[in-house]
Amino acid sequence: WRLVGASGIWHKRHYQLNHYELRAERVDVRDVIRSAYHVREVDVFRLALLGERSVDAVVSHDWPRGVERHGDAAGLARRKPHFRDEMQRNDLGSPANEILLNALKPAHWFSAHL
């Protein structure tokens, strides 16, 4: 099996930042610490370059955005009614992981939770 990992949580404000460190007096240190946990566009781009059907499985923290459309969306909405609004707005899951899902088309996707 060829396995890849997409590490990080989707956060719009940090997505287009690169990986770098700044001096503490120039930034809010708490924000820098939190941003370390967020997925970056550059990492998504690099993984997407692997190409379609190049990996067997992806492991990620967040599910790809729109993943509910590939399963029992009505059942998910019954079990998790607080997801309904996000599902209707196409806001449930990670947009970054949706890019990877469409670019890689892996046979399997494993995620921490939804």
Foldseek 3Di string as FASTA:
>chain_A
DFEEEQFADADPVLAAPDDDDDDCVVDPVVVVVNSVRHGYPVVLVVLLVCFEQNGAEYEYAKDAQPCCVVDPVVVVCVVPVVCVVCNVVSNGIHPSVVSNCVSHVHNYYHYNDD
